Amino acid sequence: RLHPLIELSGKTLGLIGFGRIGRAVAPIARALGMHVLVTTRTTPSAEHASDIDREVIYVNLEELLSASDIISLHCPLTPQTENLINEKTIALAKDGFMLINTGRGPLIDEQALAQALTTGKAGGAALDVLSTEPPAADNPLLTAPNCIITPHIAWAPKQTRERLMNIAAGNLAAWLSEEEINTVN
């Protein structure tokens, strides 16, 4: 079945989580003419706001869900974010919303998302991660309509693994010299 193409300009992208990756996605979306909403644990104060902070709108989760055409997950997996996308949050989302998850699989209640895709509440999903990898044969997303699942292999190229090892070595060297880098507050 053929699917119509959509124009991204004028659409609203909702970013759940605004760390390094979310902050890299926002300018790309803005360059495509999208409005960007952000929900995150912390919002920068006016004096600490960067240029990208001034180009996005900080909202609560409910506002983000109800206004976003596309929702992209960039938050860590914690007890508070596990199954963040569930039957209740999907009900709050805009009809026909699209979901992108490149974060962690357990951020999504897979049965609830499969149901939303089947009924059309969700217009599509692009998932780079699942709750269990490799997925069980009975994972409902494997047969859900309008769902694209890709392998979580951004780390696979040799150059990427070399870069990751250099970062890990740098982090260890900084820790040994009592330098603070890559801290999470």
C-alpha atoms as a PDB file:
ATOM      1  CA  ARG A   1       0.000   0.000   0.000  1.00  0.00           C
ATOM      2  CA  LEU A   2       1.319   3.424  -0.901  1.00  0.00           C
ATOM      3  CA  HIS A   3       1.538   6.112   1.739  1.00  0.00           C
ATOM      4  CA  PRO A   4       1.311   9.822   0.970  1.00  0.00           C
ATOM      5  CA  LEU A   5       4.356  11.949   1.656  1.00  0.00           C
ATOM      6  CA  ILE A   6       4.019  14.698   4.234  1.00  0.00           C
ATOM      7  CA  GLU A   7       5.476  18.181   4.337  1.00  0.00           C
ATOM      8  CA  LEU A   8       7.535  18.719   7.489  1.00  0.00           C
ATOM      9  CA  SER A   9       7.527  22.503   7.273  1.00  0.00           C
ATOM     10  CA  GLY A  10       4.899  23.817   9.652  1.00  0.00           C
ATOM     11  CA  LYS A  11       4.619  20.534  11.549  1.00  0.00           C
ATOM     12  CA  THR A  12       5.391  20.307  15.252  1.00  0.00           C
ATOM     13  CA  LEU A  13       8.121  18.037  16.584  1.00  0.00           C
ATOM     14  CA  GLY A  14       7.945  17.153  20.257  1.00  0.00           C
ATOM     15  CA  LEU A  15      11.232  16.168  21.870  1.00  0.00           C
ATOM     16  CA  ILE A  16      10.953  14.252  25.116  1.00  0.00           C
ATOM     17  CA  GLY A  17      14.379  14.769  26.658  1.00  0.00           C
ATOM     18  CA  PHE A  18      16.750  17.545  25.658  1.00  0.00           C
ATOM     19  CA  GLY A  19      20.248  16.277  26.283  1.00  0.00           C
ATOM     20  CA  ARG A  20      23.058  16.113  23.745  1.00  0.00           C
ATOM     21  CA  ILE A  21      21.082  14.184  21.111  1.00  0.00           C
ATOM     22  CA  GLY A  22      17.820  16.104  21.509  1.00  0.00           C
ATOM     23  CA  ARG A  23      19.785  19.341  21.233  1.00  0.00           C
ATOM     24  CA  ALA A  24      21.322  18.071  17.976  1.00  0.00           C
ATOM     25  CA  VAL A  25      17.904  17.117  16.541  1.00  0.00           C
ATOM     26  CA  ALA A  26      16.213  20.452  17.293  1.00  0.00           C
ATOM     27  CA  PRO A  27      18.257  22.629  14.882  1.00  0.00           C
ATOM     28  CA  ILE A  28      17.713  20.112  12.078  1.00  0.00           C
ATOM     29  CA  ALA A  29      13.955  20.232  12.663  1.00  0.00           C
ATOM     30  CA  ARG A  30      14.057  24.031  12.779  1.00  0.00           C
ATOM     31  CA  ALA A  31      16.009  24.099   9.490  1.00  0.00           C
ATOM     32  CA  LEU A  32      13.186  22.044   7.950  1.00  0.00           C
ATOM     33  CA  GLY A  33      10.650  24.652   9.099  1.00  0.00           C
ATOM     34  CA  MET A  34       9.282  22.694  12.042  1.00  0.00           C
ATOM     35  CA  HIS A  35       8.119  24.066  15.368  1.00  0.00           C
ATOM     36  CA  VAL A  36       9.924  22.317  18.227  1.00  0.00           C
ATOM     37  CA  LEU A  37       8.408  21.615  21.625  1.00  0.00           C
ATOM     38  CA  VAL A  38      10.548  20.217  24.421  1.00  0.00           C
ATOM     39  CA  THR A  39       9.782  18.552  27.704  1.00  0.00           C
ATOM     40  CA  THR A  40      12.635  17.743  30.016  1.00  0.00           C
ATOM     41  CA  ARG A  41      13.401  17.394  33.719  1.00  0.00           C
ATOM     42  CA  THR A  42      15.082  20.791  33.846  1.00  0.00           C
ATOM     43  CA  THR A  43      14.523  24.024  31.955  1.00  0.00           C
ATOM     44  CA  PRO A  44      17.427  26.454  31.649  1.00  0.00           C
ATOM     45  CA  SER A  45      17.054  29.857  33.263  1.00  0.00           C
ATOM     46  CA  ALA A  46      17.049  32.865  30.921  1.00  0.00           C
ATOM     47  CA  GLU A  47      20.660  33.745  31.760  1.00  0.00           C
ATOM     48  CA  HIS A  48      21.856  30.175  31.063  1.00  0.00           C
ATOM     49  CA  ALA A  49      19.800  29.613  27.903  1.00  0.00           C
ATOM     50  CA  SER A  50      21.723  28.820  24.726  1.00  0.00           C
ATOM     51  CA  ASP A  51      20.682  29.821  21.213  1.00  0.00           C
ATOM     52  CA  ILE A  52      18.894  26.496  20.719  1.00  0.00           C
ATOM     53  CA  ASP A  53      17.020  26.988  24.011  1.00  0.00           C
ATOM     54  CA  ARG A  54      15.626  30.226  22.564  1.00  0.00           C
ATOM     55  CA  GLU A  55      14.456  28.443  19.384  1.00  0.00           C
ATOM     56  CA  VAL A  56      12.344  25.801  21.126  1.00  0.00           C
ATOM     57  CA  ILE A  57       9.333  26.034  23.391  1.00  0.00           C
ATOM     58  CA  TYR A  58       9.456  24.279  26.755  1.00  0.00           C
ATOM     59  CA  VAL A  59       6.145  22.668  27.708  1.00  0.00           C
ATOM     60  CA  ASN A  60       4.894  19.952  30.011  1.00  0.00           C
ATOM     61  CA  LEU A  61       4.390  16.408  28.746  1.00  0.00           C
ATOM     62  CA  GLU A  62       0.634  16.747  28.266  1.00  0.00           C
ATOM     63  CA  GLU A  63       1.026  19.881  26.126  1.00  0.00           C
ATOM     64  CA  LEU A  64       3.752  18.223  24.060  1.00  0.00           C
ATOM     65  CA  LEU A  65       1.661  15.114  23.438  1.00  0.00           C
ATOM     66  CA  SER A  66      -1.469  17.018  22.414  1.00  0.00           C
ATOM     67  CA  ALA A  67       0.317  19.445  20.071  1.00  0.00           C
ATOM     68  CA  SER A  68       3.011  17.332  18.389  1.00  0.00           C
ATOM     69  CA  ASP A  69       2.655  15.807  14.948  1.00  0.00           C
ATOM     70  CA  ILE A  70       5.844  13.836  15.559  1.00  0.00           C
ATOM     71  CA  ILE A  71       7.144  12.761  18.972  1.00  0.00           C
ATOM     72  CA  SER A  72      10.784  11.759  19.350  1.00  0.00           C
ATOM     73  CA  LEU A  73      12.096  10.100  22.498  1.00  0.00           C
ATOM     74  CA  HIS A  74      15.500  11.230  23.783  1.00  0.00           C
ATOM     75  CA  CYS A  75      15.174  10.599  27.498  1.00  0.00           C
ATOM     76  CA  PRO A  76      17.027   8.051  29.613  1.00  0.00           C
ATOM     77  CA  LEU A  77      15.342   4.917  30.885  1.00  0.00           C
ATOM     78  CA  THR A  78      14.548   5.454  34.561  1.00  0.00           C
ATOM     79  CA  PRO A  79      11.746   4.207  36.802  1.00  0.00           C
ATOM     80  CA  GLN A  80       9.917   7.475  35.948  1.00  0.00           C
ATOM     81  CA  THR A  81      10.264   7.055  32.164  1.00  0.00           C
ATOM     82  CA  GLU A  82       9.663   3.317  31.822  1.00  0.00           C
ATOM     83  CA  ASN A  83       6.502   2.865  29.719  1.00  0.00           C
ATOM     84  CA  LEU A  84       6.271   6.645  29.339  1.00  0.00           C
ATOM     85  CA  ILE A  85       4.418   6.055  26.087  1.00  0.00           C
ATOM     86  CA  ASN A  86       1.453   4.019  27.266  1.00  0.00           C
ATOM     87  CA  GLU A  87      -2.303   3.798  26.845  1.00  0.00           C
ATOM     88  CA  LYS A  88      -2.877   6.960  28.907  1.00  0.00           C
ATOM     89  CA  THR A  89      -0.232   9.118  27.204  1.00  0.00           C
ATOM     90  CA  ILE A  90      -1.232   7.843  23.762  1.00  0.00           C
ATOM     91  CA  ALA A  91      -4.822   8.926  24.500  1.00  0.00           C
ATOM     92  CA  LEU A  92      -3.510  12.447  25.177  1.00  0.00           C
ATOM     93  CA  ALA A  93      -1.557  12.524  21.898  1.00  0.00           C
ATOM     94  CA  LYS A  94      -2.735  14.176  18.733  1.00  0.00           C
ATOM     95  CA  ASP A  95      -4.654  11.831  16.430  1.00  0.00           C
ATOM     96  CA  GLY A  96      -2.366  10.400  13.767  1.00  0.00           C
ATOM     97  CA  PHE A  97       0.844  11.326  15.600  1.00  0.00           C
ATOM     98  CA  MET A  98       4.079   9.652  14.584  1.00  0.00           C
ATOM     99  CA  LEU A  99       6.520   8.279  17.131  1.00  0.00           C
ATOM    100  CA  ILE A 100      10.288   7.957  16.873  1.00  0.00           C
ATOM    101  CA  ASN A 101      12.271   6.047  19.475  1.00  0.00           C
ATOM    102  CA  THR A 102      16.046   5.889  19.227  1.00  0.00           C
ATOM    103  CA  GLY A 103      16.461   5.979  23.006  1.00  0.00           C
ATOM    104  CA  ARG A 104      15.547   2.857  24.951  1.00  0.00           C
ATOM    105  CA  GLY A 105      12.929   0.247  24.116  1.00  0.00           C
ATOM    106  CA  PRO A 106      11.221   0.099  27.522  1.00  0.00           C
ATOM    107  CA  LEU A 107      10.215   3.771  27.197  1.00  0.00           C
ATOM    108  CA  ILE A 108       7.233   2.382  25.264  1.00  0.00           C
ATOM    109  CA  ASP A 109       4.434   0.043  26.279  1.00  0.00           C
ATOM    110  CA  GLU A 110       4.664  -1.957  23.056  1.00  0.00           C
ATOM    111  CA  GLN A 111       1.182  -3.459  23.298  1.00  0.00           C
ATOM    112  CA  ALA A 112      -0.361   0.005  23.712  1.00  0.00           C
ATOM    113  CA  LEU A 113       1.594   1.386  20.754  1.00  0.00           C
ATOM    114  CA  ALA A 114       0.659  -1.600  18.561  1.00  0.00           C
ATOM    115  CA  GLN A 115      -2.998  -1.007  19.440  1.00  0.00           C
ATOM    116  CA  ALA A 116      -2.680   2.711  18.604  1.00  0.00           C
ATOM    117  CA  LEU A 117      -1.092   1.866  15.247  1.00  0.00           C
ATOM    118  CA  THR A 118      -3.836  -0.661  14.505  1.00  0.00           C
ATOM    119  CA  THR A 119      -6.652   1.788  15.295  1.00  0.00           C
ATOM    120  CA  GLY A 120      -4.970   4.722  13.542  1.00  0.00           C
ATOM    121  CA  LYS A 121      -4.578   6.788  16.723  1.00  0.00           C
ATOM    122  CA  ALA A 122      -0.853   6.639  15.892  1.00  0.00           C
ATOM    123  CA  GLY A 123      -0.102   7.267  12.244  1.00  0.00           C
ATOM    124  CA  GLY A 124       3.279   5.599  12.325  1.00  0.00           C
ATOM    125  CA  ALA A 125       6.252   4.570  14.388  1.00  0.00           C
ATOM    126  CA  ALA A 126       9.963   4.407  13.604  1.00  0.00           C
ATOM    127  CA  LEU A 127      11.772   2.408  16.259  1.00  0.00           C
ATOM    128  CA  ASP A 128      15.487   1.818  16.565  1.00  0.00           C
ATOM    129  CA  VAL A 129      15.060  -0.039  19.860  1.00  0.00           C
ATOM    130  CA  LEU A 130      12.600  -2.489  21.399  1.00  0.00           C
ATOM    131  CA  SER A 131      12.035  -3.634  24.965  1.00  0.00           C
ATOM    132  CA  THR A 132      13.755  -6.951  24.219  1.00  0.00           C
ATOM    133  CA  GLU A 133      16.404  -7.363  21.561  1.00  0.00           C
ATOM    134  CA  PRO A 134      16.290  -9.385  19.496  1.00  0.00           C
ATOM    135  CA  PRO A 135      12.509  -9.161  19.684  1.00  0.00           C
ATOM    136  CA  ALA A 136      10.389 -12.133  20.620  1.00  0.00           C
ATOM    137  CA  ALA A 137       8.418 -13.585  17.728  1.00  0.00           C
ATOM    138  CA  ASP A 138       5.181 -12.489  19.404  1.00  0.00           C
ATOM    139  CA  ASN A 139       6.185  -8.825  19.845  1.00  0.00           C
ATOM    140  CA  PRO A 140       3.030  -6.965  18.722  1.00  0.00           C
ATOM    141  CA  LEU A 141       5.035  -4.273  16.938  1.00  0.00           C
ATOM    142  CA  LEU A 142       6.435  -6.781  14.443  1.00  0.00           C
ATOM    143  CA  THR A 143       3.012  -7.019  12.796  1.00  0.00           C
ATOM    144  CA  ALA A 144       1.642  -3.563  13.601  1.00  0.00           C
ATOM    145  CA  PRO A 145       0.769  -1.402  10.593  1.00  0.00           C
ATOM    146  CA  ASN A 146       2.912   1.621   9.744  1.00  0.00           C
ATOM    147  CA  CYS A 147       5.738   0.511  12.039  1.00  0.00           C
ATOM    148  CA  ILE A 148       9.352   0.541  10.936  1.00  0.00           C
ATOM    149  CA  ILE A 149      11.855  -1.261  13.146  1.00  0.00           C
ATOM    150  CA  THR A 150      15.565  -0.892  12.480  1.00  0.00           C
ATOM    151  CA  PRO A 151      18.477  -2.544  14.268  1.00  0.00           C
ATOM    152  CA  HIS A 152      20.095  -0.431  16.975  1.00  0.00           C
ATOM    153  CA  ILE A 153      23.539  -0.499  15.376  1.00  0.00           C
ATOM    154  CA  ALA A 154      24.787   3.089  15.277  1.00  0.00           C
ATOM    155  CA  TRP A 155      27.837   1.805  17.163  1.00  0.00           C
ATOM    156  CA  ALA A 156      28.712  -0.815  14.525  1.00  0.00           C
ATOM    157  CA  PRO A 157      31.126   1.036  12.181  1.00  0.00           C
ATOM    158  CA  LYS A 158      34.791   0.607  13.108  1.00  0.00           C
ATOM    159  CA  GLN A 159      35.320   4.387  13.281  1.00  0.00           C
ATOM    160  CA  THR A 160      32.406   4.750  15.686  1.00  0.00           C
ATOM    161  CA  ARG A 161      33.755   2.047  17.986  1.00  0.00           C
ATOM    162  CA  GLU A 162      37.199   3.719  17.905  1.00  0.00           C
ATOM    163  CA  ARG A 163      35.611   7.070  18.808  1.00  0.00           C
ATOM    164  CA  LEU A 164      33.621   5.466  21.644  1.00  0.00           C
ATOM    165  CA  MET A 165      36.742   3.796  23.019  1.00  0.00           C
ATOM    166  CA  ASN A 166      38.620   7.116  22.882  1.00  0.00           C
ATOM    167  CA  ILE A 167      35.763   8.790  24.770  1.00  0.00           C
ATOM    168  CA  ALA A 168      35.795   6.023  27.401  1.00  0.00           C
ATOM    169  CA  ALA A 169      39.578   6.317  27.777  1.00  0.00           C
ATOM    170  CA  GLY A 170      39.282  10.099  28.083  1.00  0.00           C
ATOM    171  CA  ASN A 171      36.577   9.741  30.734  1.00  0.00           C
ATOM    172  CA  LEU A 172      38.755   7.337  32.726  1.00  0.00           C
ATOM    173  CA  ALA A 173      41.799   9.627  32.459  1.00  0.00           C
ATOM    174  CA  ALA A 174      39.688  12.601  33.604  1.00  0.00           C
ATOM    175  CA  TRP A 175      38.319  10.625  36.537  1.00  0.00           C
ATOM    176  CA  LEU A 176      41.830   9.560  37.579  1.00  0.00           C
ATOM    177  CA  SER A 177      42.955  13.200  37.497  1.00  0.00           C
ATOM    178  CA  GLU A 178      39.775  14.251  39.330  1.00  0.00           C
ATOM    179  CA  GLU A 179      38.538  16.336  36.395  1.00  0.00           C
ATOM    180  CA  GLU A 180      34.803  16.647  35.914  1.00  0.00           C
ATOM    181  CA  ILE A 181      33.639  15.922  32.373  1.00  0.00           C
ATOM    182  CA  ASN A 182      30.411  14.472  31.032  1.00  0.00           C
ATOM    183  CA  THR A 183      28.725  14.938  34.408  1.00  0.00           C
ATOM    184  CA  VAL A 184      25.018  14.354  34.857  1.00  0.00           C
ATOM    185  CA  ASN A 185      23.452  16.562  37.483  1.00  0.00           C
END
